[in-house]
Amino acid sequence: MSEFEKKKLEFEFNKFARMNFEKPRNCRNIDQTRFYIHELSNKIEEMESLHGYVPEVAYTLLAQYNKVQNQFVYEHFKNTY
């Protein structure tokens, strides 16, 4: 895959993420973050199977959502016990 094709995929992914996902820090509950994690994982799998390449920014965004989800889980645990 050429550098041009990689840059094009990165641009398309960034556009997709801006249109379909809220920023991780703006998520209000754990269900919202779980939904975004699921959808993002599906998009990553789709890109891997179709193009054999996934932009690093996709994994970074997934890690950010996982971090927010873990914070929600911790807060729930802390408040419950």
Protein backbone atom coordinates (compact mmCIF):
# COMPACT_ATOMS: atom_id res chain seq x y z
CA MET A 1 0.00 0.00 0.00
CA SER A 2 1.42 3.36 -1.01
CA GLU A 3 1.79 6.33 1.30
CA PHE A 4 -0.87 8.16 -0.70
CA GLU A 5 -3.38 5.36 -0.09
CA LYS A 6 -2.52 5.31 3.61
CA LYS A 7 -3.02 9.07 3.90
CA LYS A 8 -6.31 8.77 2.04
CA LEU A 9 -7.52 6.08 4.47
CA GLU A 10 -6.43 8.22 7.43
CA PHE A 11 -8.35 11.18 6.04
CA GLU A 12 -11.46 9.06 5.43
CA PHE A 13 -11.26 7.57 8.92
CA ASN A 14 -10.88 11.00 10.53
CA LYS A 15 -13.89 12.26 8.60
CA PHE A 16 -15.89 9.17 9.63
CA ALA A 17 -14.91 9.59 13.29
CA ARG A 18 -15.82 13.29 13.36
CA MET A 19 -19.23 12.61 11.84
CA ASN A 20 -20.16 9.51 13.86
CA PHE A 21 -18.43 9.69 17.23
CA GLU A 22 -18.46 12.08 20.11
CA LYS A 23 -15.12 12.93 21.66
CA PRO A 24 -14.25 10.48 24.44
CA ARG A 25 -14.09 13.21 27.10
CA ASN A 26 -17.67 14.25 26.22
CA CYS A 27 -19.18 10.80 26.87
CA ARG A 28 -21.76 10.93 29.63
CA ASN A 29 -22.23 7.27 30.59
CA ILE A 30 -20.79 3.81 30.23
CA ASP A 31 -23.40 2.63 27.72
CA GLN A 32 -22.43 5.42 25.36
CA THR A 33 -18.74 4.52 25.57
CA ARG A 34 -19.51 0.82 25.07
CA PHE A 35 -21.52 1.66 21.95
CA TYR A 36 -18.67 3.73 20.52
CA ILE A 37 -16.11 1.03 21.38
CA HIS A 38 -18.25 -1.58 19.61
CA GLU A 39 -18.76 0.57 16.52
CA LEU A 40 -15.11 1.57 16.39
CA SER A 41 -14.00 -2.06 16.71
CA ASN A 42 -16.27 -2.98 13.81
CA LYS A 43 -14.80 -0.17 11.71
CA ILE A 44 -11.26 -1.30 12.52
CA GLU A 45 -12.09 -4.89 11.51
CA GLU A 46 -13.71 -3.64 8.30
CA MET A 47 -10.67 -1.56 7.37
CA GLU A 48 -8.31 -4.43 8.15
CA SER A 49 -10.25 -6.88 6.00
CA LEU A 50 -10.82 -4.49 3.09
CA HIS A 51 -7.52 -2.66 2.96
CA GLY A 52 -5.12 -4.59 5.16
CA TYR A 53 -4.29 -1.33 6.91
CA VAL A 54 -5.70 0.55 9.88
CA PRO A 55 -4.53 4.07 10.69
CA GLU A 56 -2.82 4.45 14.06
CA VAL A 57 -5.35 7.15 14.97
CA ALA A 58 -8.09 4.49 15.03
CA TYR A 59 -6.26 2.53 17.72
CA THR A 60 -5.54 5.74 19.62
CA LEU A 61 -9.21 6.66 19.60
CA LEU A 62 -10.15 3.16 20.75
CA ALA A 63 -7.67 3.44 23.62
CA GLN A 64 -9.20 6.77 24.64
CA TYR A 65 -12.69 5.28 24.73
CA ASN A 66 -11.40 2.32 26.74
CA LYS A 67 -9.82 4.72 29.22
CA VAL A 68 -13.10 6.60 29.65
CA GLN A 69 -14.98 3.31 30.05
CA ASN A 70 -12.54 2.18 32.72
CA GLN A 71 -13.08 5.45 34.56
CA PHE A 72 -16.84 4.88 34.53
CA VAL A 73 -16.38 1.32 35.80
CA TYR A 74 -14.09 2.52 38.57
CA GLU A 75 -16.53 5.25 39.64
CA HIS A 76 -19.39 2.76 39.68
CA PHE A 77 -17.32 0.32 41.74
CA LYS A 78 -16.24 3.05 44.13
CA ASN A 79 -19.81 4.28 44.63
CA THR A 80 -21.24 0.78 45.03
CA TYR A 81 -18.75 -0.64 47.53
